[in-house]
Amino acid sequence: TATEQVQMEEMEEKRDIALWYWFLFESNLSTQRAKT
């Protein structure tokens, strides 16, 4: 159960990082606007 919890947290963190990356660099906003 502890191992599964750690794995879920790691997957959630990777998902969050990927979402931020998309927002900053691949969304239709300029990077500066996204950062602001």
Full PDB file with SEQRES, HELIX, SHEET, SSBOND, CRYST1, ORIGX, SCALE, CONECT and MASTER records, all heavy atoms in Angstrom:
SEQRES   1 A   36  THR ALA THR GLU GLN VAL GLN MET GLU GLU MET GLU GLU          
SEQRES   2 A   36  LYS ARG ASP ILE ALA LEU TRP TYR TRP PHE LEU PHE GLU          
SEQRES   3 A   36  SER ASN LEU SER THR GLN ARG ALA LYS THR                      
HELIX    1 AA1 ALA A    2  TYR A   21  1                                  20    
HELIX    2 AA2 TRP A   22  GLU A   26  3                                   5    
HELIX    3 AA3 THR A   31  LYS A   35  1                                   5    
CRYST1    1.000    1.000    1.000  90.00  90.00  90.00 P 1           1          
ORIGX1      1.000000  0.000000  0.000000        0.00000                         
ORIGX2      0.000000  1.000000  0.000000        0.00000                         
ORIGX3      0.000000  0.000000  1.000000        0.00000                         
SCALE1      1.000000  0.000000  0.000000        0.00000                         
SCALE2      0.000000  1.000000  0.000000        0.00000                         
SCALE3      0.000000  0.000000  1.000000        0.00000                         
ATOM      1  N   THR A   1       0.834  -1.197   0.000  1.00  0.00           N  
ATOM      2  CA  THR A   1       0.000   0.000   0.000  1.00  0.00           C  
ATOM      3  C   THR A   1       0.874   1.254   0.000  1.00  0.00           C  
ATOM      4  O   THR A   1       0.593   2.208  -0.718  1.00  0.00           O  
ATOM      5  CB  THR A   1      -0.948   0.006   1.210  1.00  0.00           C  
ATOM      6  OG1 THR A   1      -1.753  -1.169   1.159  1.00  0.00           O  
ATOM      7  CG2 THR A   1      -1.834   1.221   1.206  1.00  0.00           C  
ATOM      8  N   ALA A   2       1.935   1.255   0.795  1.00  0.00           N  
ATOM      9  CA  ALA A   2       2.838   2.404   0.850  1.00  0.00           C  
ATOM     10  C   ALA A   2       3.528   2.610  -0.496  1.00  0.00           C  
ATOM     11  O   ALA A   2       3.662   3.745  -0.964  1.00  0.00           O  
ATOM     12  CB  ALA A   2       3.869   2.207   1.956  1.00  0.00           C  
ATOM     13  N   THR A   3       3.935   1.520  -1.137  1.00  0.00           N  
ATOM     14  CA  THR A   3       4.580   1.604  -2.447  1.00  0.00           C  
ATOM     15  C   THR A   3       3.606   2.141  -3.481  1.00  0.00           C  
ATOM     16  O   THR A   3       3.963   2.998  -4.298  1.00  0.00           O  
ATOM     17  CB  THR A   3       5.100   0.212  -2.880  1.00  0.00           C  
ATOM     18  OG1 THR A   3       6.035  -0.246  -1.910  1.00  0.00           O  
ATOM     19  CG2 THR A   3       5.757   0.267  -4.252  1.00  0.00           C  
ATOM     20  N   GLU A   4       2.383   1.671  -3.459  1.00  0.00           N  
ATOM     21  CA  GLU A   4       1.364   2.158  -4.390  1.00  0.00           C  
ATOM     22  C   GLU A   4       1.110   3.640  -4.182  1.00  0.00           C  
ATOM     23  O   GLU A   4       0.940   4.384  -5.153  1.00  0.00           O  
ATOM     24  CB  GLU A   4       0.069   1.370  -4.223  1.00  0.00           C  
ATOM     25  CG  GLU A   4       0.171  -0.056  -4.709  1.00  0.00           C  
ATOM     26  CD  GLU A   4      -1.065  -0.877  -4.377  1.00  0.00           C  
ATOM     27  OE1 GLU A   4      -2.043  -0.329  -3.831  1.00  0.00           O  
ATOM     28  OE2 GLU A   4      -1.052  -2.081  -4.655  1.00  0.00           O  
ATOM     29  N   GLN A   5       1.087   4.086  -2.933  1.00  0.00           N  
ATOM     30  CA  GLN A   5       0.867   5.499  -2.632  1.00  0.00           C  
ATOM     31  C   GLN A   5       1.995   6.353  -3.204  1.00  0.00           C  
ATOM     32  O   GLN A   5       1.755   7.388  -3.813  1.00  0.00           O  
ATOM     33  CB  GLN A   5       0.749   5.723  -1.113  1.00  0.00           C  
ATOM     34  CG  GLN A   5       0.529   7.165  -0.719  1.00  0.00           C  
ATOM     35  CD  GLN A   5      -0.794   7.719  -1.197  1.00  0.00           C  
ATOM     36  OE1 GLN A   5      -1.772   6.987  -1.343  1.00  0.00           O  
ATOM     37  NE2 GLN A   5      -0.832   9.000  -1.454  1.00  0.00           N  
ATOM     38  N   VAL A   6       3.217   5.903  -3.022  1.00  0.00           N  
ATOM     39  CA  VAL A   6       4.373   6.632  -3.558  1.00  0.00           C  
ATOM     40  C   VAL A   6       4.294   6.696  -5.083  1.00  0.00           C  
ATOM     41  O   VAL A   6       4.541   7.750  -5.686  1.00  0.00           O  
ATOM     42  CB  VAL A   6       5.698   5.984  -3.093  1.00  0.00           C  
ATOM     43  CG1 VAL A   6       6.888   6.539  -3.855  1.00  0.00           C  
ATOM     44  CG2 VAL A   6       5.885   6.173  -1.594  1.00  0.00           C  
ATOM     45  N   GLN A   7       3.935   5.573  -5.705  1.00  0.00           N  
ATOM     46  CA  GLN A   7       3.817   5.546  -7.165  1.00  0.00           C  
ATOM     47  C   GLN A   7       2.733   6.501  -7.647  1.00  0.00           C  
ATOM     48  O   GLN A   7       2.917   7.198  -8.642  1.00  0.00           O  
ATOM     49  CB  GLN A   7       3.528   4.122  -7.646  1.00  0.00           C  
ATOM     50  CG  GLN A   7       4.717   3.203  -7.515  1.00  0.00           C  
ATOM     51  CD  GLN A   7       4.370   1.753  -7.844  1.00  0.00           C  
ATOM     52  OE1 GLN A   7       3.214   1.347  -7.812  1.00  0.00           O  
ATOM     53  NE2 GLN A   7       5.398   0.960  -8.150  1.00  0.00           N  
ATOM     54  N   MET A   8       1.607   6.544  -6.966  1.00  0.00           N  
ATOM     55  CA  MET A   8       0.524   7.461  -7.339  1.00  0.00           C  
ATOM     56  C   MET A   8       0.971   8.915  -7.208  1.00  0.00           C  
ATOM     57  O   MET A   8       0.670   9.744  -8.064  1.00  0.00           O  
ATOM     58  CB  MET A   8      -0.725   7.201  -6.489  1.00  0.00           C  
ATOM     59  CG  MET A   8      -1.409   5.891  -6.782  1.00  0.00           C  
ATOM     60  SD  MET A   8      -2.056   5.806  -8.471  1.00  0.00           S  
ATOM     61  CE  MET A   8      -3.402   6.954  -8.351  1.00  0.00           C  
ATOM     62  N   GLU A   9       1.691   9.221  -6.132  1.00  0.00           N  
ATOM     63  CA  GLU A   9       2.182  10.586  -5.938  1.00  0.00           C  
ATOM     64  C   GLU A   9       3.172  10.969  -7.026  1.00  0.00           C  
ATOM     65  O   GLU A   9       3.149  12.098  -7.518  1.00  0.00           O  
ATOM     66  CB  GLU A   9       2.815  10.716  -4.554  1.00  0.00           C  
ATOM     67  CG  GLU A   9       1.802  10.680  -3.428  1.00  0.00           C  
ATOM     68  CD  GLU A   9       2.424  10.602  -2.046  1.00  0.00           C  
ATOM     69  OE1 GLU A   9       3.675  10.668  -1.932  1.00  0.00           O  
ATOM     70  OE2 GLU A   9       1.669  10.480  -1.072  1.00  0.00           O  
ATOM     71  N   GLU A  10       4.031  10.045  -7.408  1.00  0.00           N  
ATOM     72  CA  GLU A  10       4.992  10.308  -8.476  1.00  0.00           C  
ATOM     73  C   GLU A  10       4.281  10.540  -9.806  1.00  0.00           C  
ATOM     74  O   GLU A  10       4.655  11.430 -10.570  1.00  0.00           O  
ATOM     75  CB  GLU A  10       5.984   9.155  -8.603  1.00  0.00           C  
ATOM     76  CG  GLU A  10       6.978   9.098  -7.469  1.00  0.00           C  
ATOM     77  CD  GLU A  10       7.870   7.860  -7.510  1.00  0.00           C  
ATOM     78  OE1 GLU A  10       7.646   6.966  -8.360  1.00  0.00           O  
ATOM     79  OE2 GLU A  10       8.789   7.789  -6.673  1.00  0.00           O  
ATOM     80  N   MET A  11       3.245   9.747 -10.097  1.00  0.00           N  
ATOM     81  CA  MET A  11       2.485   9.929 -11.330  1.00  0.00           C  
ATOM     82  C   MET A  11       1.777  11.274 -11.332  1.00  0.00           C  
ATOM     83  O   MET A  11       1.739  11.965 -12.348  1.00  0.00           O  
ATOM     84  CB  MET A  11       1.484   8.795 -11.520  1.00  0.00           C  
ATOM     85  CG  MET A  11       2.137   7.496 -11.940  1.00  0.00           C  
ATOM     86  SD  MET A  11       0.968   6.195 -12.358  1.00  0.00           S  
ATOM     87  CE  MET A  11       0.323   5.778 -10.749  1.00  0.00           C  
ATOM     88  N   GLU A  12       1.218  11.659 -10.188  1.00  0.00           N  
ATOM     89  CA  GLU A  12       0.532  12.947 -10.081  1.00  0.00           C  
ATOM     90  C   GLU A  12       1.521  14.091 -10.288  1.00  0.00           C  
ATOM     91  O   GLU A  12       1.212  15.066 -10.976  1.00  0.00           O  
ATOM     92  CB  GLU A  12      -0.151  13.067  -8.718  1.00  0.00           C  
ATOM     93  CG  GLU A  12      -0.968  14.319  -8.553  1.00  0.00           C  
ATOM     94  CD  GLU A  12      -2.178  14.399  -9.452  1.00  0.00           C  
ATOM     95  OE1 GLU A  12      -2.677  13.356  -9.905  1.00  0.00           O  
ATOM     96  OE2 GLU A  12      -2.638  15.527  -9.704  1.00  0.00           O  
ATOM     97  N   GLU A  13       2.715  13.963  -9.727  1.00  0.00           N  
ATOM     98  CA  GLU A  13       3.730  15.003  -9.888  1.00  0.00           C  
ATOM     99  C   GLU A  13       4.149  15.124 -11.358  1.00  0.00           C  
ATOM    100  O   GLU A  13       4.274  16.233 -11.884  1.00  0.00           O  
ATOM    101  CB  GLU A  13       4.953  14.692  -9.026  1.00  0.00           C  
ATOM    102  CG  GLU A  13       6.014  15.766  -9.080  1.00  0.00           C  
ATOM    103  CD  GLU A  13       7.176  15.478  -8.161  1.00  0.00           C  
ATOM    104  OE1 GLU A  13       6.986  14.816  -7.119  1.00  0.00           O  
ATOM    105  OE2 GLU A  13       8.287  15.923  -8.487  1.00  0.00           O  
ATOM    106  N   LYS A  14       4.337  14.002 -12.028  1.00  0.00           N  
ATOM    107  CA  LYS A  14       4.698  14.020 -13.449  1.00  0.00           C  
ATOM    108  C   LYS A  14       3.585  14.652 -14.275  1.00  0.00           C  
ATOM    109  O   LYS A  14       3.847  15.411 -15.208  1.00  0.00           O  
ATOM    110  CB  LYS A  14       4.985  12.605 -13.954  1.00  0.00           C  
ATOM    111  CG  LYS A  14       6.288  12.045 -13.462  1.00  0.00           C  
ATOM    112  CD  LYS A  14       6.494  10.633 -13.979  1.00  0.00           C  
ATOM    113  CE  LYS A  14       7.777  10.038 -13.447  1.00  0.00           C  
ATOM    114  NZ  LYS A  14       7.965   8.652 -13.904  1.00  0.00           N  
ATOM    115  N   ARG A  15       2.360  14.347 -13.922  1.00  0.00           N  
ATOM    116  CA  ARG A  15       1.210  14.913 -14.630  1.00  0.00           C  
ATOM    117  C   ARG A  15       1.175  16.422 -14.445  1.00  0.00           C  
ATOM    118  O   ARG A  15       0.955  17.175 -15.387  1.00  0.00           O  
ATOM    119  CB  ARG A  15      -0.078  14.280 -14.107  1.00  0.00           C  
ATOM    120  CG  ARG A  15      -1.320  14.745 -14.816  1.00  0.00           C  
ATOM    121  CD  ARG A  15      -2.558  14.076 -14.196  1.00  0.00           C  
ATOM    122  NE  ARG A  15      -3.736  14.665 -14.728  1.00  0.00           N  
ATOM    123  CZ  ARG A  15      -4.248  15.833 -14.327  1.00  0.00           C  
ATOM    124  NH1 ARG A  15      -3.677  16.505 -13.376  1.00  0.00           N  
ATOM    125  NH2 ARG A  15      -5.337  16.307 -14.873  1.00  0.00           N  
ATOM    126  N   ASP A  16       1.405  16.892 -13.212  1.00  0.00           N  
ATOM    127  CA  ASP A  16       1.422  18.331 -12.931  1.00  0.00           C  
ATOM    128  C   ASP A  16       2.527  19.030 -13.720  1.00  0.00           C  
ATOM    129  O   ASP A  16       2.308  20.101 -14.283  1.00  0.00           O  
ATOM    130  CB  ASP A  16       1.610  18.594 -11.437  1.00  0.00           C  
ATOM    131  CG  ASP A  16       0.390  18.240 -10.611  1.00  0.00           C  
ATOM    132  OD1 ASP A  16      -0.702  18.047 -11.184  1.00  0.00           O  
ATOM    133  OD2 ASP A  16       0.536  18.151  -9.377  1.00  0.00           O  
ATOM    134  N   ILE A  17       3.704  18.426 -13.760  1.00  0.00           N  
ATOM    135  CA  ILE A  17       4.825  19.008 -14.501  1.00  0.00           C  
ATOM    136  C   ILE A  17       4.492  19.089 -15.985  1.00  0.00           C  
ATOM    137  O   ILE A  17       4.747  20.108 -16.639  1.00  0.00           O  
ATOM    138  CB  ILE A  17       6.111  18.197 -14.261  1.00  0.00           C  
ATOM    139  CG1 ILE A  17       6.581  18.398 -12.818  1.00  0.00           C  
ATOM    140  CG2 ILE A  17       7.205  18.592 -15.256  1.00  0.00           C  
ATOM    141  CD1 ILE A  17       7.679  17.444 -12.378  1.00  0.00           C  
ATOM    142  N   ALA A  18       3.902  18.040 -16.519  1.00  0.00           N  
ATOM    143  CA  ALA A  18       3.526  18.032 -17.926  1.00  0.00           C  
ATOM    144  C   ALA A  18       2.463  19.091 -18.217  1.00  0.00           C  
ATOM    145  O   ALA A  18       2.513  19.758 -19.258  1.00  0.00           O  
ATOM    146  CB  ALA A  18       3.024  16.644 -18.337  1.00  0.00           C  
ATOM    147  N   LEU A  19       1.534  19.287 -17.299  1.00  0.00           N  
ATOM    148  CA  LEU A  19       0.492  20.298 -17.483  1.00  0.00           C  
ATOM    149  C   LEU A  19       1.105  21.698 -17.471  1.00  0.00           C  
ATOM    150  O   LEU A  19       0.769  22.543 -18.301  1.00  0.00           O  
ATOM    151  CB  LEU A  19      -0.579  20.162 -16.401  1.00  0.00           C  
ATOM    152  CG  LEU A  19      -1.793  21.075 -16.533  1.00  0.00           C  
ATOM    153  CD1 LEU A  19      -2.526  20.826 -17.848  1.00  0.00           C  
ATOM    154  CD2 LEU A  19      -2.738  20.863 -15.360  1.00  0.00           C  
ATOM    155  N   TRP A  20       2.010  21.954 -16.538  1.00  0.00           N  
ATOM    156  CA  TRP A  20       2.696  23.251 -16.486  1.00  0.00           C  
ATOM    157  C   TRP A  20       3.484  23.472 -17.774  1.00  0.00           C  
ATOM    158  O   TRP A  20       3.482  24.574 -18.324  1.00  0.00           O  
ATOM    159  CB  TRP A  20       3.625  23.302 -15.275  1.00  0.00           C  
ATOM    160  CG  TRP A  20       2.952  23.714 -14.021  1.00  0.00           C  
ATOM    161  CD1 TRP A  20       1.843  23.166 -13.453  1.00  0.00           C  
ATOM    162  CD2 TRP A  20       3.349  24.769 -13.151  1.00  0.00           C  
ATOM    163  NE1 TRP A  20       1.549  23.808 -12.287  1.00  0.00           N  
ATOM    164  CE2 TRP A  20       2.458  24.795 -12.079  1.00  0.00           C  
ATOM    165  CE3 TRP A  20       4.400  25.675 -13.182  1.00  0.00           C  
ATOM    166  CZ2 TRP A  20       2.558  25.712 -11.050  1.00  0.00           C  
ATOM    167  CZ3 TRP A  20       4.509  26.593 -12.147  1.00  0.00           C  
ATOM    168  CH2 TRP A  20       3.588  26.606 -11.103  1.00  0.00           C  
ATOM    169  N   TYR A  21       4.189  22.455 -18.224  1.00  0.00           N  
ATOM    170  CA  TYR A  21       4.963  22.573 -19.455  1.00  0.00           C  
ATOM    171  C   TYR A  21       4.038  22.936 -20.614  1.00  0.00           C  
ATOM    172  O   TYR A  21       4.338  23.841 -21.400  1.00  0.00           O  
ATOM    173  CB  TYR A  21       5.717  21.276 -19.760  1.00  0.00           C  
ATOM    174  CG  TYR A  21       6.564  21.386 -21.007  1.00  0.00           C  
ATOM    175  CD1 TYR A  21       7.869  21.855 -20.937  1.00  0.00           C  
ATOM    176  CD2 TYR A  21       6.039  21.039 -22.251  1.00  0.00           C  
ATOM    177  CE1 TYR A  21       8.641  21.976 -22.090  1.00  0.00           C  
ATOM    178  CE2 TYR A  21       6.806  21.172 -23.397  1.00  0.00           C  
ATOM    179  CZ  TYR A  21       8.094  21.635 -23.312  1.00  0.00           C  
ATOM    180  OH  TYR A  21       8.839  21.760 -24.452  1.00  0.00           O  
ATOM    181  N   TRP A  22       2.933  22.231 -20.730  1.00  0.00           N  
ATOM    182  CA  TRP A  22       1.979  22.533 -21.794  1.00  0.00           C  
ATOM    183  C   TRP A  22       1.532  23.983 -21.704  1.00  0.00           C  
ATOM    184  O   TRP A  22       1.522  24.707 -22.710  1.00  0.00           O  
ATOM    185  CB  TRP A  22       0.753  21.601 -21.701  1.00  0.00           C  
ATOM    186  CG  TRP A  22      -0.365  22.123 -22.542  1.00  0.00           C  
ATOM    187  CD1 TRP A  22      -0.527  21.957 -23.881  1.00  0.00           C  
ATOM    188  CD2 TRP A  22      -1.443  22.957 -22.106  1.00  0.00           C  
ATOM    189  NE1 TRP A  22      -1.650  22.638 -24.303  1.00  0.00           N  
ATOM    190  CE2 TRP A  22      -2.224  23.257 -23.235  1.00  0.00           C  
ATOM    191  CE3 TRP A  22      -1.825  23.483 -20.872  1.00  0.00           C  
ATOM    192  CZ2 TRP A  22      -3.351  24.056 -23.172  1.00  0.00           C  
ATOM    193  CZ3 TRP A  22      -2.950  24.277 -20.801  1.00  0.00           C  
ATOM    194  CH2 TRP A  22      -3.710  24.558 -21.938  1.00  0.00           C  
ATOM    195  N   PHE A  23       1.172  24.424 -20.497  1.00  0.00           N  
ATOM    196  CA  PHE A  23       0.653  25.776 -20.324  1.00  0.00           C  
ATOM    197  C   PHE A  23       1.706  26.823 -20.697  1.00  0.00           C  
ATOM    198  O   PHE A  23       1.401  27.794 -21.382  1.00  0.00           O  
ATOM    199  CB  PHE A  23       0.193  25.983 -18.875  1.00  0.00           C  
ATOM    200  CG  PHE A  23      -0.450  27.318 -18.644  1.00  0.00           C  
ATOM    201  CD1 PHE A  23      -1.718  27.584 -19.132  1.00  0.00           C  
ATOM    202  CD2 PHE A  23       0.208  28.307 -17.925  1.00  0.00           C  
ATOM    203  CE1 PHE A  23      -2.321  28.816 -18.917  1.00  0.00           C  
ATOM    204  CE2 PHE A  23      -0.378  29.548 -17.709  1.00  0.00           C  
ATOM    205  CZ  PHE A  23      -1.652  29.801 -18.211  1.00  0.00           C  
ATOM    206  N   LEU A  24       2.942  26.634 -20.266  1.00  0.00           N  
ATOM    207  CA  LEU A  24       3.995  27.617 -20.520  1.00  0.00           C  
ATOM    208  C   LEU A  24       4.483  27.629 -21.960  1.00  0.00           C  
ATOM    209  O   LEU A  24       4.788  28.691 -22.504  1.00  0.00           O  
ATOM    210  CB  LEU A  24       5.194  27.357 -19.603  1.00  0.00           C  
ATOM    211  CG  LEU A  24       4.996  27.756 -18.147  1.00  0.00           C  
ATOM    212  CD1 LEU A  24       6.127  27.214 -17.289  1.00  0.00           C  
ATOM    213  CD2 LEU A  24       4.901  29.266 -18.013  1.00  0.00           C  
ATOM    214  N   PHE A  25       4.566  26.462 -22.591  1.00  0.00           N  
ATOM    215  CA  PHE A  25       5.239  26.394 -23.881  1.00  0.00           C  
ATOM    216  C   PHE A  25       4.387  25.918 -25.056  1.00  0.00           C  
ATOM    217  O   PHE A  25       4.793  26.105 -26.200  1.00  0.00           O  
ATOM    218  CB  PHE A  25       6.474  25.490 -23.765  1.00  0.00           C  
ATOM    219  CG  PHE A  25       7.430  25.961 -22.707  1.00  0.00           C  
ATOM    220  CD1 PHE A  25       7.611  25.222 -21.550  1.00  0.00           C  
ATOM    221  CD2 PHE A  25       8.122  27.152 -22.843  1.00  0.00           C  
ATOM    222  CE1 PHE A  25       8.486  25.653 -20.563  1.00  0.00           C  
ATOM    223  CE2 PHE A  25       8.997  27.598 -21.861  1.00  0.00           C  
ATOM    224  CZ  PHE A  25       9.175  26.843 -20.714  1.00  0.00           C  
ATOM    225  N   GLU A  26       3.251  25.308 -24.790  1.00  0.00           N  
ATOM    226  CA  GLU A  26       2.472  24.758 -25.900  1.00  0.00           C  
ATOM    227  C   GLU A  26       1.045  25.291 -25.993  1.00  0.00           C  
ATOM    228  O   GLU A  26       0.359  25.017 -26.967  1.00  0.00           O  
ATOM    229  CB  GLU A  26       2.447  23.229 -25.796  1.00  0.00           C  
ATOM    230  CG  GLU A  26       3.830  22.615 -25.950  1.00  0.00           C  
ATOM    231  CD  GLU A  26       3.848  21.115 -25.755  1.00  0.00           C  
ATOM    232  OE1 GLU A  26       2.823  20.529 -25.360  1.00  0.00           O  
ATOM    233  OE2 GLU A  26       4.915  20.522 -25.990  1.00  0.00           O  
ATOM    234  N   SER A  27       0.607  26.023 -24.994  1.00  0.00           N  
ATOM    235  CA  SER A  27      -0.731  26.617 -25.087  1.00  0.00           C  
ATOM    236  C   SER A  27      -0.662  27.794 -26.064  1.00  0.00           C  
ATOM    237  O   SER A  27       0.407  28.138 -26.560  1.00  0.00           O  
ATOM    238  CB  SER A  27      -1.202  27.106 -23.712  1.00  0.00           C  
ATOM    239  OG  SER A  27      -0.468  28.261 -23.316  1.00  0.00           O  
ATOM    240  N   ASN A  28      -1.760  28.407 -26.321  1.00  0.00           N  
ATOM    241  CA  ASN A  28      -1.796  29.515 -27.268  1.00  0.00           C  
ATOM    242  C   ASN A  28      -1.382  30.843 -26.641  1.00  0.00           C  
ATOM    243  O   ASN A  28      -1.444  31.872 -27.299  1.00  0.00           O  
ATOM    244  CB  ASN A  28      -3.195  29.634 -27.867  1.00  0.00           C  
ATOM    245  CG  ASN A  28      -3.514  28.467 -28.775  1.00  0.00           C  
ATOM    246  OD1 ASN A  28      -2.649  28.010 -29.510  1.00  0.00           O  
ATOM    247  ND2 ASN A  28      -4.717  27.961 -28.712  1.00  0.00           N  
ATOM    248  N   LEU A  29      -0.958  30.828 -25.390  1.00  0.00           N  
ATOM    249  CA  LEU A  29      -0.498  32.051 -24.734  1.00  0.00           C  
ATOM    250  C   LEU A  29       1.002  32.208 -24.940  1.00  0.00           C  
ATOM    251  O   LEU A  29       1.728  31.221 -25.049  1.00  0.00           O  
ATOM    252  CB  LEU A  29      -0.771  31.983 -23.225  1.00  0.00           C  
ATOM    253  CG  LEU A  29      -2.215  31.817 -22.784  1.00  0.00           C  
ATOM    254  CD1 LEU A  29      -2.271  31.649 -21.272  1.00  0.00           C  
ATOM    255  CD2 LEU A  29      -3.049  33.002 -23.215  1.00  0.00           C  
ATOM    256  N   SER A  30       1.455  33.458 -24.940  1.00  0.00           N  
ATOM    257  CA  SER A  30       2.906  33.652 -24.968  1.00  0.00           C  
ATOM    258  C   SER A  30       3.471  33.147 -23.644  1.00  0.00           C  
ATOM    259  O   SER A  30       2.779  33.128 -22.619  1.00  0.00           O  
ATOM    260  CB  SER A  30       3.248  35.126 -25.158  1.00  0.00           C  
ATOM    261  OG  SER A  30       2.980  35.855 -23.971  1.00  0.00           O  
ATOM    262  N   THR A  31       4.716  32.743 -23.656  1.00  0.00           N  
ATOM    263  CA  THR A  31       5.339  32.220 -22.442  1.00  0.00           C  
ATOM    264  C   THR A  31       5.326  33.269 -21.338  1.00  0.00           C  
ATOM    265  O   THR A  31       5.036  32.947 -20.181  1.00  0.00           O  
ATOM    266  CB  THR A  31       6.779  31.749 -22.736  1.00  0.00           C  
ATOM    267  OG1 THR A  31       6.712  30.741 -23.746  1.00  0.00           O  
ATOM    268  CG2 THR A  31       7.440  31.180 -21.500  1.00  0.00           C  
ATOM    269  N   GLN A  32       5.605  34.521 -21.684  1.00  0.00           N  
ATOM    270  CA  GLN A  32       5.611  35.583 -20.674  1.00  0.00           C  
ATOM    271  C   GLN A  32       4.221  35.776 -20.074  1.00  0.00           C  
ATOM    272  O   GLN A  32       4.077  35.932 -18.860  1.00  0.00           O  
ATOM    273  CB  GLN A  32       6.114  36.903 -21.274  1.00  0.00           C  
ATOM    274  CG  GLN A  32       6.257  37.998 -20.247  1.00  0.00           C  
ATOM    275  CD  GLN A  32       7.223  37.629 -19.124  1.00  0.00           C  
ATOM    276  OE1 GLN A  32       8.313  37.133 -19.366  1.00  0.00           O  
ATOM    277  NE2 GLN A  32       6.811  37.847 -17.887  1.00  0.00           N  
ATOM    278  N   ARG A  33       3.199  35.749 -20.903  1.00  0.00           N  
ATOM    279  CA  ARG A  33       1.822  35.895 -20.410  1.00  0.00           C  
ATOM    280  C   ARG A  33       1.473  34.727 -19.494  1.00  0.00           C  
ATOM    281  O   ARG A  33       0.875  34.910 -18.427  1.00  0.00           O  
ATOM    282  CB  ARG A  33       0.851  35.960 -21.592  1.00  0.00           C  
ATOM    283  CG  ARG A  33      -0.616  35.995 -21.224  1.00  0.00           C  
ATOM    284  CD  ARG A  33      -1.026  37.324 -20.657  1.00  0.00           C  
ATOM    285  NE  ARG A  33      -2.484  37.363 -20.523  1.00  0.00           N  
ATOM    286  CZ  ARG A  33      -3.111  37.790 -19.444  1.00  0.00           C  
ATOM    287  NH1 ARG A  33      -2.432  38.282 -18.437  1.00  0.00           N  
ATOM    288  NH2 ARG A  33      -4.416  37.770 -19.384  1.00  0.00           N  
ATOM    289  N   ALA A  34       1.848  33.527 -19.885  1.00  0.00           N  
ATOM    290  CA  ALA A  34       1.568  32.346 -19.066  1.00  0.00           C  
ATOM    291  C   ALA A  34       2.274  32.448 -17.713  1.00  0.00           C  
ATOM    292  O   ALA A  34       1.677  32.148 -16.673  1.00  0.00           O  
ATOM    293  CB  ALA A  34       1.993  31.080 -19.807  1.00  0.00           C  
ATOM    294  N   LYS A  35       3.526  32.883 -17.710  1.00  0.00           N  
ATOM    295  CA  LYS A  35       4.269  33.029 -16.465  1.00  0.00           C  
ATOM    296  C   LYS A  35       3.625  34.068 -15.550  1.00  0.00           C  
ATOM    297  O   LYS A  35       3.526  33.866 -14.343  1.00  0.00           O  
ATOM    298  CB  LYS A  35       5.720  33.400 -16.760  1.00  0.00           C  
ATOM    299  CG  LYS A  35       6.537  32.248 -17.315  1.00  0.00           C  
ATOM    300  CD  LYS A  35       7.899  32.676 -17.824  1.00  0.00           C  
ATOM    301  CE  LYS A  35       8.782  33.209 -16.724  1.00  0.00           C  
ATOM    302  NZ  LYS A  35      10.148  33.525 -17.232  1.00  0.00           N  
ATOM    303  N   THR A  36       3.185  35.171 -16.129  1.00  0.00           N  
ATOM    304  CA  THR A  36       2.520  36.219 -15.350  1.00  0.00           C  
ATOM    305  C   THR A  36       1.240  35.695 -14.716  1.00  0.00           C  
ATOM    306  O   THR A  36       0.975  35.931 -13.531  1.00  0.00           O  
ATOM    307  CB  THR A  36       2.212  37.438 -16.246  1.00  0.00           C  
ATOM    308  OG1 THR A  36       3.442  37.942 -16.768  1.00  0.00           O  
ATOM    309  CG2 THR A  36       1.489  38.530 -15.478  1.00  0.00           C  
TER     310      THR A  36                                                      
MASTER        0    0    0    3    0    0    0    6  309    1    0    3          
END                                                                             
